[in-house]
Amino acid sequence: MPRQALETLLSFIQNYKSKDLKAIGIDLLKCLSQMKPAFDALKVANSEEKKPFAVMDPETELTCRKMAGLFFESLPSGVIQMYAIVTIPTVRNTYSATPSILLSVLCR
């Protein structure tokens, strides 16, 4: 939830100077549907230029979103999973749990 809130705030900051409510609404719908990172990746892949009203270019926006995903999703879930391995004896005794959790953290 914090990642979505940060992405929505970032999207609003990116578009607030445009004064186009339709563009702001479409961008916020992309955030709420959790499709905004895919649209940002498409912008970067198509080498789109920075819009005159935008605060940052598409590469910087994509990087900010990826960092938000890392800090608000991947790291906390990894900490919770590692806590489960350390504290629950039945999980600790399985040899597949630790590599599985490490791979899930590294591949996000």
PDB file of N, CA and C in Angstrom:
ATOM      1  N   MET A   1       0.800  -1.200   0.000  1.00  0.00           N
ATOM      2  CA  MET A   1       0.000   0.000   0.000  1.00  0.00           C
ATOM      3  C   MET A   1       0.854   1.282   0.000  1.00  0.00           C
ATOM      4  N   PRO A   2       1.964   1.330   0.768  1.00  0.00           N
ATOM      5  CA  PRO A   2       2.777   2.548   0.710  1.00  0.00           C
ATOM      6  C   PRO A   2       3.372   2.786  -0.676  1.00  0.00           C
ATOM      7  N   ARG A   3       3.692   1.705  -1.383  1.00  0.00           N
ATOM      8  CA  ARG A   3       4.258   1.864  -2.721  1.00  0.00           C
ATOM      9  C   ARG A   3       3.239   2.499  -3.650  1.00  0.00           C
ATOM     10  N   GLN A   4       1.985   2.058  -3.560  1.00  0.00           N
ATOM     11  CA  GLN A   4       0.943   2.624  -4.418  1.00  0.00           C
ATOM     12  C   GLN A   4       0.707   4.085  -4.082  1.00  0.00           C
ATOM     13  N   ALA A   5       0.738   4.416  -2.817  1.00  0.00           N
ATOM     14  CA  ALA A   5       0.554   5.809  -2.418  1.00  0.00           C
ATOM     15  C   ALA A   5       1.712   6.668  -2.944  1.00  0.00           C
ATOM     16  N   LEU A   6       2.929   6.141  -2.848  1.00  0.00           N
ATOM     17  CA  LEU A   6       4.082   6.887  -3.352  1.00  0.00           C
ATOM     18  C   LEU A   6       4.035   7.028  -4.870  1.00  0.00           C
ATOM     19  N   GLU A   7       3.606   5.966  -5.567  1.00  0.00           N
ATOM     20  CA  GLU A   7       3.486   6.051  -7.025  1.00  0.00           C
ATOM     21  C   GLU A   7       2.413   7.060  -7.431  1.00  0.00           C
ATOM     22  N   THR A   8       1.300   7.080  -6.709  1.00  0.00           N
ATOM     23  CA  THR A   8       0.236   8.038  -7.011  1.00  0.00           C
ATOM     24  C   THR A   8       0.712   9.462  -6.775  1.00  0.00           C
ATOM     25  N   LEU A   9       1.425   9.684  -5.682  1.00  0.00           N
ATOM     26  CA  LEU A   9       1.969  11.009  -5.397  1.00  0.00           C
ATOM     27  C   LEU A   9       2.980  11.419  -6.464  1.00  0.00           C
ATOM     28  N   LEU A  10       3.843  10.490  -6.851  1.00  0.00           N
ATOM     29  CA  LEU A  10       4.829  10.763  -7.893  1.00  0.00           C
ATOM     30  C   LEU A  10       4.147  11.102  -9.216  1.00  0.00           C
ATOM     31  N   SER A  11       3.075  10.395  -9.527  1.00  0.00           N
ATOM     32  CA  SER A  11       2.337  10.642 -10.758  1.00  0.00           C
ATOM     33  C   SER A  11       1.674  12.024 -10.733  1.00  0.00           C
ATOM     34  N   PHE A  12       1.135  12.396  -9.595  1.00  0.00           N
ATOM     35  CA  PHE A  12       0.518  13.708  -9.477  1.00  0.00           C
ATOM     36  C   PHE A  12       1.564  14.811  -9.609  1.00  0.00           C
ATOM     37  N   ILE A  13       2.713  14.627  -8.948  1.00  0.00           N
ATOM     38  CA  ILE A  13       3.784  15.626  -9.036  1.00  0.00           C
ATOM     39  C   ILE A  13       4.277  15.756 -10.469  1.00  0.00           C
ATOM     40  N   GLN A  14       4.354  14.624 -11.169  1.00  0.00           N
ATOM     41  CA  GLN A  14       4.842  14.634 -12.548  1.00  0.00           C
ATOM     42  C   GLN A  14       3.897  15.399 -13.479  1.00  0.00           C
ATOM     43  N   ASN A  15       2.598  15.403 -13.182  1.00  0.00           N
ATOM     44  CA  ASN A  15       1.615  15.970 -14.110  1.00  0.00           C
ATOM     45  C   ASN A  15       0.908  17.229 -13.618  1.00  0.00           C
ATOM     46  N   TYR A  16       1.219  17.713 -12.420  1.00  0.00           N
ATOM     47  CA  TYR A  16       0.412  18.813 -11.888  1.00  0.00           C
ATOM     48  C   TYR A  16       0.580  20.106 -12.671  1.00  0.00           C
ATOM     49  N   LYS A  17       1.705  20.308 -13.331  1.00  0.00           N
ATOM     50  CA  LYS A  17       1.915  21.538 -14.101  1.00  0.00           C
ATOM     51  C   LYS A  17       1.174  21.532 -15.427  1.00  0.00           C
ATOM     52  N   SER A  18       0.687  20.380 -15.868  1.00  0.00           N
ATOM     53  CA  SER A  18       0.055  20.306 -17.190  1.00  0.00           C
ATOM     54  C   SER A  18      -1.316  20.966 -17.209  1.00  0.00           C
ATOM     55  N   LYS A  19      -1.969  21.056 -16.070  1.00  0.00           N
ATOM     56  CA  LYS A  19      -3.308  21.651 -15.943  1.00  0.00           C
ATOM     57  C   LYS A  19      -4.356  20.891 -16.773  1.00  0.00           C
ATOM     58  N   ASP A  20      -4.005  19.713 -17.274  1.00  0.00           N
ATOM     59  CA  ASP A  20      -4.933  18.893 -18.046  1.00  0.00           C
ATOM     60  C   ASP A  20      -5.477  17.812 -17.119  1.00  0.00           C
ATOM     61  N   LEU A  21      -6.709  18.003 -16.665  1.00  0.00           N
ATOM     62  CA  LEU A  21      -7.293  17.067 -15.715  1.00  0.00           C
ATOM     63  C   LEU A  21      -7.475  15.676 -16.309  1.00  0.00           C
ATOM     64  N   LYS A  22      -7.704  15.595 -17.603  1.00  0.00           N
ATOM     65  CA  LYS A  22      -7.864  14.288 -18.236  1.00  0.00           C
ATOM     66  C   LYS A  22      -6.557  13.500 -18.184  1.00  0.00           C
ATOM     67  N   ALA A  23      -5.443  14.159 -18.473  1.00  0.00           N
ATOM     68  CA  ALA A  23      -4.141  13.488 -18.427  1.00  0.00           C
ATOM     69  C   ALA A  23      -3.803  13.057 -17.003  1.00  0.00           C
ATOM     70  N   ILE A  24      -4.106  13.915 -16.038  1.00  0.00           N
ATOM     71  CA  ILE A  24      -3.855  13.570 -14.636  1.00  0.00           C
ATOM     72  C   ILE A  24      -4.724  12.385 -14.234  1.00  0.00           C
ATOM     73  N   GLY A  25      -5.991  12.392 -14.633  1.00  0.00           N
ATOM     74  CA  GLY A  25      -6.893  11.293 -14.300  1.00  0.00           C
ATOM     75  C   GLY A  25      -6.464   9.972 -14.921  1.00  0.00           C
ATOM     76  N   ILE A  26      -6.036  10.011 -16.170  1.00  0.00           N
ATOM     77  CA  ILE A  26      -5.579   8.789 -16.832  1.00  0.00           C
ATOM     78  C   ILE A  26      -4.327   8.250 -16.148  1.00  0.00           C
ATOM     79  N   ASP A  27      -3.425   9.132 -15.786  1.00  0.00           N
ATOM     80  CA  ASP A  27      -2.203   8.703 -15.114  1.00  0.00           C
ATOM     81  C   ASP A  27      -2.512   8.116 -13.737  1.00  0.00           C
ATOM     82  N   LEU A  28      -3.442   8.716 -13.017  1.00  0.00           N
ATOM     83  CA  LEU A  28      -3.816   8.180 -11.714  1.00  0.00           C
ATOM     84  C   LEU A  28      -4.528   6.840 -11.847  1.00  0.00           C
ATOM     85  N   LEU A  29      -5.325   6.653 -12.888  1.00  0.00           N
ATOM     86  CA  LEU A  29      -5.948   5.346 -13.120  1.00  0.00           C
ATOM     87  C   LEU A  29      -4.895   4.278 -13.432  1.00  0.00           C
ATOM     88  N   LYS A  30      -3.866   4.663 -14.157  1.00  0.00           N
ATOM     89  CA  LYS A  30      -2.767   3.716 -14.409  1.00  0.00           C
ATOM     90  C   LYS A  30      -2.114   3.297 -13.095  1.00  0.00           C
ATOM     91  N   CYS A  31      -1.964   4.253 -12.177  1.00  0.00           N
ATOM     92  CA  CYS A  31      -1.372   3.934 -10.872  1.00  0.00           C
ATOM     93  C   CYS A  31      -2.270   3.016 -10.061  1.00  0.00           C
ATOM     94  N   LEU A  32      -3.564   3.346 -10.025  1.00  0.00           N
ATOM     95  CA  LEU A  32      -4.491   2.553  -9.226  1.00  0.00           C
ATOM     96  C   LEU A  32      -4.690   1.150  -9.779  1.00  0.00           C
ATOM     97  N   SER A  33      -4.538   0.994 -11.097  1.00  0.00           N
ATOM     98  CA  SER A  33      -4.649  -0.340 -11.689  1.00  0.00           C
ATOM     99  C   SER A  33      -3.321  -1.097 -11.632  1.00  0.00           C
ATOM    100  N   GLN A  34      -2.295  -0.461 -11.070  1.00  0.00           N
ATOM    101  CA  GLN A  34      -0.954  -1.023 -10.915  1.00  0.00           C
ATOM    102  C   GLN A  34      -0.288  -1.341 -12.250  1.00  0.00           C
ATOM    103  N   MET A  35      -0.659  -0.612 -13.281  1.00  0.00           N
ATOM    104  CA  MET A  35      -0.061  -0.788 -14.602  1.00  0.00           C
ATOM    105  C   MET A  35       0.935   0.325 -14.937  1.00  0.00           C
ATOM    106  N   LYS A  36       1.119   1.267 -14.043  1.00  0.00           N
ATOM    107  CA  LYS A  36       1.998   2.406 -14.307  1.00  0.00           C
ATOM    108  C   LYS A  36       3.447   1.999 -14.593  1.00  0.00           C
ATOM    109  N   PRO A  37       4.032   1.035 -13.864  1.00  0.00           N
ATOM    110  CA  PRO A  37       5.406   0.645 -14.206  1.00  0.00           C
ATOM    111  C   PRO A  37       5.534   0.102 -15.632  1.00  0.00           C
ATOM    112  N   ALA A  38       4.517  -0.589 -16.113  1.00  0.00           N
ATOM    113  CA  ALA A  38       4.562  -1.101 -17.486  1.00  0.00           C
ATOM    114  C   ALA A  38       4.514   0.048 -18.492  1.00  0.00           C
ATOM    115  N   PHE A  39       3.685   1.039 -18.238  1.00  0.00           N
ATOM    116  CA  PHE A  39       3.624   2.198 -19.130  1.00  0.00           C
ATOM    117  C   PHE A  39       4.927   3.001 -19.086  1.00  0.00           C
ATOM    118  N   ASP A  40       5.534   3.096 -17.898  1.00  0.00           N
ATOM    119  CA  ASP A  40       6.819   3.793 -17.791  1.00  0.00           C
ATOM    120  C   ASP A  40       7.910   3.045 -18.553  1.00  0.00           C
ATOM    121  N   ALA A  41       7.906   1.723 -18.457  1.00  0.00           N
ATOM    122  CA  ALA A  41       8.893   0.929 -19.193  1.00  0.00           C
ATOM    123  C   ALA A  41       8.696   1.094 -20.697  1.00  0.00           C
ATOM    124  N   LEU A  42       7.449   1.202 -21.132  1.00  0.00           N
ATOM    125  CA  LEU A  42       7.173   1.420 -22.548  1.00  0.00           C
ATOM    126  C   LEU A  42       7.702   2.787 -23.002  1.00  0.00           C
ATOM    127  N   LYS A  43       7.537   3.800 -22.151  1.00  0.00           N
ATOM    128  CA  LYS A  43       8.082   5.124 -22.480  1.00  0.00           C
ATOM    129  C   LYS A  43       9.598   5.082 -22.630  1.00  0.00           C
ATOM    130  N   VAL A  44      10.245   4.366 -21.726  1.00  0.00           N
ATOM    131  CA  VAL A  44      11.705   4.270 -21.782  1.00  0.00           C
ATOM    132  C   VAL A  44      12.136   3.470 -23.008  1.00  0.00           C
ATOM    133  N   ALA A  45      11.425   2.391 -23.308  1.00  0.00           N
ATOM    134  CA  ALA A  45      11.777   1.561 -24.465  1.00  0.00           C
ATOM    135  C   ALA A  45      11.592   2.324 -25.779  1.00  0.00           C
ATOM    136  N   ASN A  46      10.600   3.206 -25.836  1.00  0.00           N
ATOM    137  CA  ASN A  46      10.355   3.996 -27.044  1.00  0.00           C
ATOM    138  C   ASN A  46      11.182   5.281 -27.080  1.00  0.00           C
ATOM    139  N   SER A  47      12.023   5.485 -26.103  1.00  0.00           N
ATOM    140  CA  SER A  47      12.889   6.671 -25.999  1.00  0.00           C
ATOM    141  C   SER A  47      12.098   7.974 -26.073  1.00  0.00           C
ATOM    142  N   GLU A  48      11.003   8.031 -25.334  1.00  0.00           N
ATOM    143  CA  GLU A  48      10.209   9.259 -25.314  1.00  0.00           C
ATOM    144  C   GLU A  48      10.980  10.372 -24.610  1.00  0.00           C
ATOM    145  N   GLU A  49      10.796  11.560 -25.101  1.00  0.00           N
ATOM    146  CA  GLU A  49      11.446  12.736 -24.521  1.00  0.00           C
ATOM    147  C   GLU A  49      10.640  13.236 -23.322  1.00  0.00           C
ATOM    148  N   LYS A  50      11.285  14.039 -22.515  1.00  0.00           N
ATOM    149  CA  LYS A  50      10.622  14.660 -21.367  1.00  0.00           C
ATOM    150  C   LYS A  50       9.619  15.681 -21.867  1.00  0.00           C
ATOM    151  N   LYS A  51       8.407  15.618 -21.324  1.00  0.00           N
ATOM    152  CA  LYS A  51       7.382  16.592 -21.697  1.00  0.00           C
ATOM    153  C   LYS A  51       7.723  17.938 -21.062  1.00  0.00           C
ATOM    154  N   PRO A  52       7.294  19.041 -21.678  1.00  0.00           N
ATOM    155  CA  PRO A  52       7.680  20.365 -21.157  1.00  0.00           C
ATOM    156  C   PRO A  52       7.185  20.634 -19.740  1.00  0.00           C
ATOM    157  N   PHE A  53       6.056  20.056 -19.370  1.00  0.00           N
ATOM    158  CA  PHE A  53       5.510  20.309 -18.040  1.00  0.00           C
ATOM    159  C   PHE A  53       5.989  19.290 -17.013  1.00  0.00           C
ATOM    160  N   ALA A  54       6.648  18.231 -17.441  1.00  0.00           N
ATOM    161  CA  ALA A  54       7.050  17.154 -16.540  1.00  0.00           C
ATOM    162  C   ALA A  54       8.211  17.580 -15.649  1.00  0.00           C
ATOM    163  N   VAL A  55       8.235  17.024 -14.466  1.00  0.00           N
ATOM    164  CA  VAL A  55       9.292  17.329 -13.512  1.00  0.00           C
ATOM    165  C   VAL A  55      10.550  16.520 -13.815  1.00  0.00           C
ATOM    166  N   MET A  56      10.367  15.277 -14.275  1.00  0.00           N
ATOM    167  CA  MET A  56      11.521  14.424 -14.570  1.00  0.00           C
ATOM    168  C   MET A  56      11.313  13.655 -15.867  1.00  0.00           C
ATOM    169  N   ASP A  57      12.400  13.174 -16.415  1.00  0.00           N
ATOM    170  CA  ASP A  57      12.325  12.424 -17.667  1.00  0.00           C
ATOM    171  C   ASP A  57      11.849  10.990 -17.389  1.00  0.00           C
ATOM    172  N   PRO A  58      11.432  10.235 -18.417  1.00  0.00           N
ATOM    173  CA  PRO A  58      10.893   8.898 -18.209  1.00  0.00           C
ATOM    174  C   PRO A  58      11.860   7.927 -17.519  1.00  0.00           C
ATOM    175  N   GLU A  59      13.163   8.034 -17.799  1.00  0.00           N
ATOM    176  CA  GLU A  59      14.119   7.128 -17.154  1.00  0.00           C
ATOM    177  C   GLU A  59      14.178   7.358 -15.646  1.00  0.00           C
ATOM    178  N   THR A  60      14.182   8.616 -15.243  1.00  0.00           N
ATOM    179  CA  THR A  60      14.222   8.940 -13.819  1.00  0.00           C
ATOM    180  C   THR A  60      12.928   8.516 -13.135  1.00  0.00           C
ATOM    181  N   GLU A  61      11.808   8.715 -13.807  1.00  0.00           N
ATOM    182  CA  GLU A  61      10.524   8.311 -13.241  1.00  0.00           C
ATOM    183  C   GLU A  61      10.471   6.798 -13.041  1.00  0.00           C
ATOM    184  N   LEU A  62      10.935   6.043 -14.025  1.00  0.00           N
ATOM    185  CA  LEU A  62      10.955   4.586 -13.910  1.00  0.00           C
ATOM    186  C   LEU A  62      11.879   4.147 -12.782  1.00  0.00           C
ATOM    187  N   THR A  63      13.031   4.791 -12.657  1.00  0.00           N
ATOM    188  CA  THR A  63      13.965   4.451 -11.590  1.00  0.00           C
ATOM    189  C   THR A  63      13.360   4.723 -10.217  1.00  0.00           C
ATOM    190  N   CYS A  64      12.664   5.840 -10.078  1.00  0.00           N
ATOM    191  CA  CYS A  64      12.007   6.159  -8.800  1.00  0.00           C
ATOM    192  C   CYS A  64      10.954   5.118  -8.451  1.00  0.00           C
ATOM    193  N   ARG A  65      10.195   4.685  -9.427  1.00  0.00           N
ATOM    194  CA  ARG A  65       9.169   3.669  -9.179  1.00  0.00           C
ATOM    195  C   ARG A  65       9.789   2.325  -8.802  1.00  0.00           C
ATOM    196  N   LYS A  66      10.876   1.969  -9.463  1.00  0.00           N
ATOM    197  CA  LYS A  66      11.555   0.707  -9.139  1.00  0.00           C
ATOM    198  C   LYS A  66      12.139   0.757  -7.725  1.00  0.00           C
ATOM    199  N   MET A  67      12.689   1.896  -7.342  1.00  0.00           N
ATOM    200  CA  MET A  67      13.225   2.034  -5.984  1.00  0.00           C
ATOM    201  C   MET A  67      12.116   1.960  -4.937  1.00  0.00           C
ATOM    202  N   ALA A  68      10.964   2.547  -5.242  1.00  0.00           N
ATOM    203  CA  ALA A  68       9.834   2.456  -4.319  1.00  0.00           C
ATOM    204  C   ALA A  68       9.394   1.010  -4.166  1.00  0.00           C
ATOM    205  N   GLY A  69       9.356   0.268  -5.269  1.00  0.00           N
ATOM    206  CA  GLY A  69       9.001  -1.149  -5.196  1.00  0.00           C
ATOM    207  C   GLY A  69       9.994  -1.948  -4.377  1.00  0.00           C
ATOM    208  N   LEU A  70      11.265  -1.622  -4.512  1.00  0.00           N
ATOM    209  CA  LEU A  70      12.294  -2.322  -3.763  1.00  0.00           C
ATOM    210  C   LEU A  70      12.158  -2.047  -2.264  1.00  0.00           C
ATOM    211  N   PHE A  71      12.050  -0.781  -1.889  1.00  0.00           N
ATOM    212  CA  PHE A  71      12.035  -0.429  -0.478  1.00  0.00           C
ATOM    213  C   PHE A  71      10.719  -0.715   0.226  1.00  0.00           C
ATOM    214  N   PHE A  72       9.606  -0.700  -0.498  1.00  0.00           N
ATOM    215  CA  PHE A  72       8.320  -0.899   0.156  1.00  0.00           C
ATOM    216  C   PHE A  72       7.723  -2.283  -0.058  1.00  0.00           C
ATOM    217  N   GLU A  73       8.314  -3.120  -0.914  1.00  0.00           N
ATOM    218  CA  GLU A  73       7.779  -4.460  -1.133  1.00  0.00           C
ATOM    219  C   GLU A  73       8.828  -5.541  -0.939  1.00  0.00           C
ATOM    220  N   SER A  74       9.883  -5.505  -1.712  1.00  0.00           N
ATOM    221  CA  SER A  74      10.847  -6.606  -1.719  1.00  0.00           C
ATOM    222  C   SER A  74      11.584  -6.755  -0.392  1.00  0.00           C
ATOM    223  N   LEU A  75      12.130  -5.678   0.114  1.00  0.00           N
ATOM    224  CA  LEU A  75      12.891  -5.777   1.358  1.00  0.00           C
ATOM    225  C   LEU A  75      12.025  -6.168   2.558  1.00  0.00           C
ATOM    226  N   PRO A  76      10.854  -5.545   2.766  1.00  0.00           N
ATOM    227  CA  PRO A  76      10.028  -5.979   3.901  1.00  0.00           C
ATOM    228  C   PRO A  76       9.556  -7.437   3.785  1.00  0.00           C
ATOM    229  N   SER A  77       9.198  -7.875   2.582  1.00  0.00           N
ATOM    230  CA  SER A  77       8.762  -9.266   2.457  1.00  0.00           C
ATOM    231  C   SER A  77       9.919 -10.221   2.704  1.00  0.00           C
ATOM    232  N   GLY A  78      11.123  -9.851   2.288  1.00  0.00           N
ATOM    233  CA  GLY A  78      12.288 -10.682   2.572  1.00  0.00           C
ATOM    234  C   GLY A  78      12.588 -10.772   4.056  1.00  0.00           C
ATOM    235  N   VAL A  79      12.450  -9.653   4.751  1.00  0.00           N
ATOM    236  CA  VAL A  79      12.679  -9.647   6.202  1.00  0.00           C
ATOM    237  C   VAL A  79      11.654 -10.534   6.899  1.00  0.00           C
ATOM    238  N   ILE A  80      10.398 -10.441   6.510  1.00  0.00           N
ATOM    239  CA  ILE A  80       9.348 -11.263   7.125  1.00  0.00           C
ATOM    240  C   ILE A  80       9.592 -12.741   6.850  1.00  0.00           C
ATOM    241  N   GLN A  81       9.989 -13.072   5.636  1.00  0.00           N
ATOM    242  CA  GLN A  81      10.248 -14.467   5.300  1.00  0.00           C
ATOM    243  C   GLN A  81      11.457 -15.007   6.056  1.00  0.00           C
ATOM    244  N   MET A  82      12.495 -14.211   6.170  1.00  0.00           N
ATOM    245  CA  MET A  82      13.664 -14.663   6.926  1.00  0.00           C
ATOM    246  C   MET A  82      13.338 -14.801   8.412  1.00  0.00           C
ATOM    247  N   TYR A  83      12.489 -13.935   8.934  1.00  0.00           N
ATOM    248  CA  TYR A  83      12.047 -14.052  10.323  1.00  0.00           C
ATOM    249  C   TYR A  83      11.302 -15.369  10.525  1.00  0.00           C
ATOM    250  N   ALA A  84      10.483 -15.751   9.546  1.00  0.00           N
ATOM    251  CA  ALA A  84       9.760 -17.020   9.636  1.00  0.00           C
ATOM    252  C   ALA A  84      10.727 -18.196   9.641  1.00  0.00           C
ATOM    253  N   ILE A  85      11.776 -18.138   8.860  1.00  0.00           N
ATOM    254  CA  ILE A  85      12.763 -19.228   8.837  1.00  0.00           C
ATOM    255  C   ILE A  85      13.463 -19.354  10.191  1.00  0.00           C
ATOM    256  N   VAL A  86      13.808 -18.218  10.766  1.00  0.00           N
ATOM    257  CA  VAL A  86      14.565 -18.245  12.015  1.00  0.00           C
ATOM    258  C   VAL A  86      13.700 -18.693  13.188  1.00  0.00           C
ATOM    259  N   THR A  87      12.441 -18.283  13.222  1.00  0.00           N
ATOM    260  CA  THR A  87      11.627 -18.530  14.419  1.00  0.00           C
ATOM    261  C   THR A  87      10.791 -19.804  14.364  1.00  0.00           C
ATOM    262  N   ILE A  88      10.417 -20.291  13.206  1.00  0.00           N
ATOM    263  CA  ILE A  88       9.552 -21.470  13.131  1.00  0.00           C
ATOM    264  C   ILE A  88      10.428 -22.698  12.878  1.00  0.00           C
ATOM    265  N   PRO A  89      10.443 -23.630  13.823  1.00  0.00           N
ATOM    266  CA  PRO A  89      11.355 -24.766  13.686  1.00  0.00           C
ATOM    267  C   PRO A  89      11.043 -25.669  12.488  1.00  0.00           C
ATOM    268  N   THR A  90       9.792 -25.825  12.130  1.00  0.00           N
ATOM    269  CA  THR A  90       9.478 -26.711  11.006  1.00  0.00           C
ATOM    270  C   THR A  90       9.958 -26.126   9.682  1.00  0.00           C
ATOM    271  N   VAL A  91       9.952 -24.821   9.572  1.00  0.00           N
ATOM    272  CA  VAL A  91      10.443 -24.177   8.355  1.00  0.00           C
ATOM    273  C   VAL A  91      11.967 -24.181   8.340  1.00  0.00           C
ATOM    274  N   ARG A  92      12.573 -24.007   9.504  1.00  0.00           N
ATOM    275  CA  ARG A  92      14.021 -23.950   9.602  1.00  0.00           C
ATOM    276  C   ARG A  92      14.671 -25.267   9.177  1.00  0.00           C
ATOM    277  N   ASN A  93      13.978 -26.390   9.395  1.00  0.00           N
ATOM    278  CA  ASN A  93      14.553 -27.691   9.088  1.00  0.00           C
ATOM    279  C   ASN A  93      14.431 -28.086   7.618  1.00  0.00           C
ATOM    280  N   THR A  94      13.720 -27.307   6.821  1.00  0.00           N
ATOM    281  CA  THR A  94      13.633 -27.637   5.403  1.00  0.00           C
ATOM    282  C   THR A  94      14.784 -26.969   4.667  1.00  0.00           C
ATOM    283  N   TYR A  95      15.385 -27.716   3.750  1.00  0.00           N
ATOM    284  CA  TYR A  95      16.539 -27.198   3.015  1.00  0.00           C
ATOM    285  C   TYR A  95      16.128 -26.345   1.817  1.00  0.00           C
ATOM    286  N   SER A  96      14.873 -26.411   1.432  1.00  0.00           N
ATOM    287  CA  SER A  96      14.443 -25.650   0.261  1.00  0.00           C
ATOM    288  C   SER A  96      13.926 -24.256   0.616  1.00  0.00           C
ATOM    289  N   ALA A  97      13.639 -24.001   1.880  1.00  0.00           N
ATOM    290  CA  ALA A  97      13.048 -22.715   2.263  1.00  0.00           C
ATOM    291  C   ALA A  97      14.021 -21.557   2.090  1.00  0.00           C
ATOM    292  N   THR A  98      15.238 -21.697   2.571  1.00  0.00           N
ATOM    293  CA  THR A  98      16.198 -20.595   2.516  1.00  0.00           C
ATOM    294  C   THR A  98      16.567 -20.201   1.088  1.00  0.00           C
ATOM    295  N   PRO A  99      16.945 -21.147   0.215  1.00  0.00           N
ATOM    296  CA  PRO A  99      17.233 -20.725  -1.165  1.00  0.00           C
ATOM    297  C   PRO A  99      16.013 -20.142  -1.869  1.00  0.00           C
ATOM    298  N   SER A 100      14.839 -20.672  -1.569  1.00  0.00           N
ATOM    299  CA  SER A 100      13.620 -20.155  -2.190  1.00  0.00           C
ATOM    300  C   SER A 100      13.378 -18.707  -1.797  1.00  0.00           C
ATOM    301  N   ILE A 101      13.548 -18.386  -0.544  1.00  0.00           N
ATOM    302  CA  ILE A 101      13.339 -17.018  -0.071  1.00  0.00           C
ATOM    303  C   ILE A 101      14.416 -16.091  -0.623  1.00  0.00           C
ATOM    304  N   LEU A 102      15.661 -16.548  -0.644  1.00  0.00           N
ATOM    305  CA  LEU A 102      16.727 -15.711  -1.191  1.00  0.00           C
ATOM    306  C   LEU A 102      16.498 -15.427  -2.672  1.00  0.00           C
ATOM    307  N   LEU A 103      16.053 -16.423  -3.427  1.00  0.00           N
ATOM    308  CA  LEU A 103      15.768 -16.193  -4.848  1.00  0.00           C
ATOM    309  C   LEU A 103      14.584 -15.259  -5.038  1.00  0.00           C
ATOM    310  N   SER A 104      13.568 -15.387  -4.190  1.00  0.00           N
ATOM    311  CA  SER A 104      12.404 -14.502  -4.353  1.00  0.00           C
ATOM    312  C   SER A 104      12.769 -13.055  -4.049  1.00  0.00           C
ATOM    313  N   VAL A 105      13.693 -12.833  -3.116  1.00  0.00           N
ATOM    314  CA  VAL A 105      14.127 -11.476  -2.804  1.00  0.00           C
ATOM    315  C   VAL A 105      15.001 -10.924  -3.930  1.00  0.00           C
ATOM    316  N   LEU A 106      15.912 -11.750  -4.448  1.00  0.00           N
ATOM    317  CA  LEU A 106      16.849 -11.281  -5.470  1.00  0.00           C
ATOM    318  C   LEU A 106      16.200 -11.074  -6.823  1.00  0.00           C
ATOM    319  N   CYS A 107      15.153 -11.817  -7.139  1.00  0.00           N
ATOM    320  CA  CYS A 107      14.561 -11.749  -8.480  1.00  0.00           C
ATOM    321  C   CYS A 107      13.453 -10.733  -8.618  1.00  0.00           C
ATOM    322  N   ARG A 108      13.152  -9.997  -7.589  1.00  0.00           N
ATOM    323  CA  ARG A 108      12.071  -9.010  -7.706  1.00  0.00           C
ATOM    324  C   ARG A 108      12.543  -7.771  -8.354  1.00  0.00           C
TER     325      ARG A 108
END
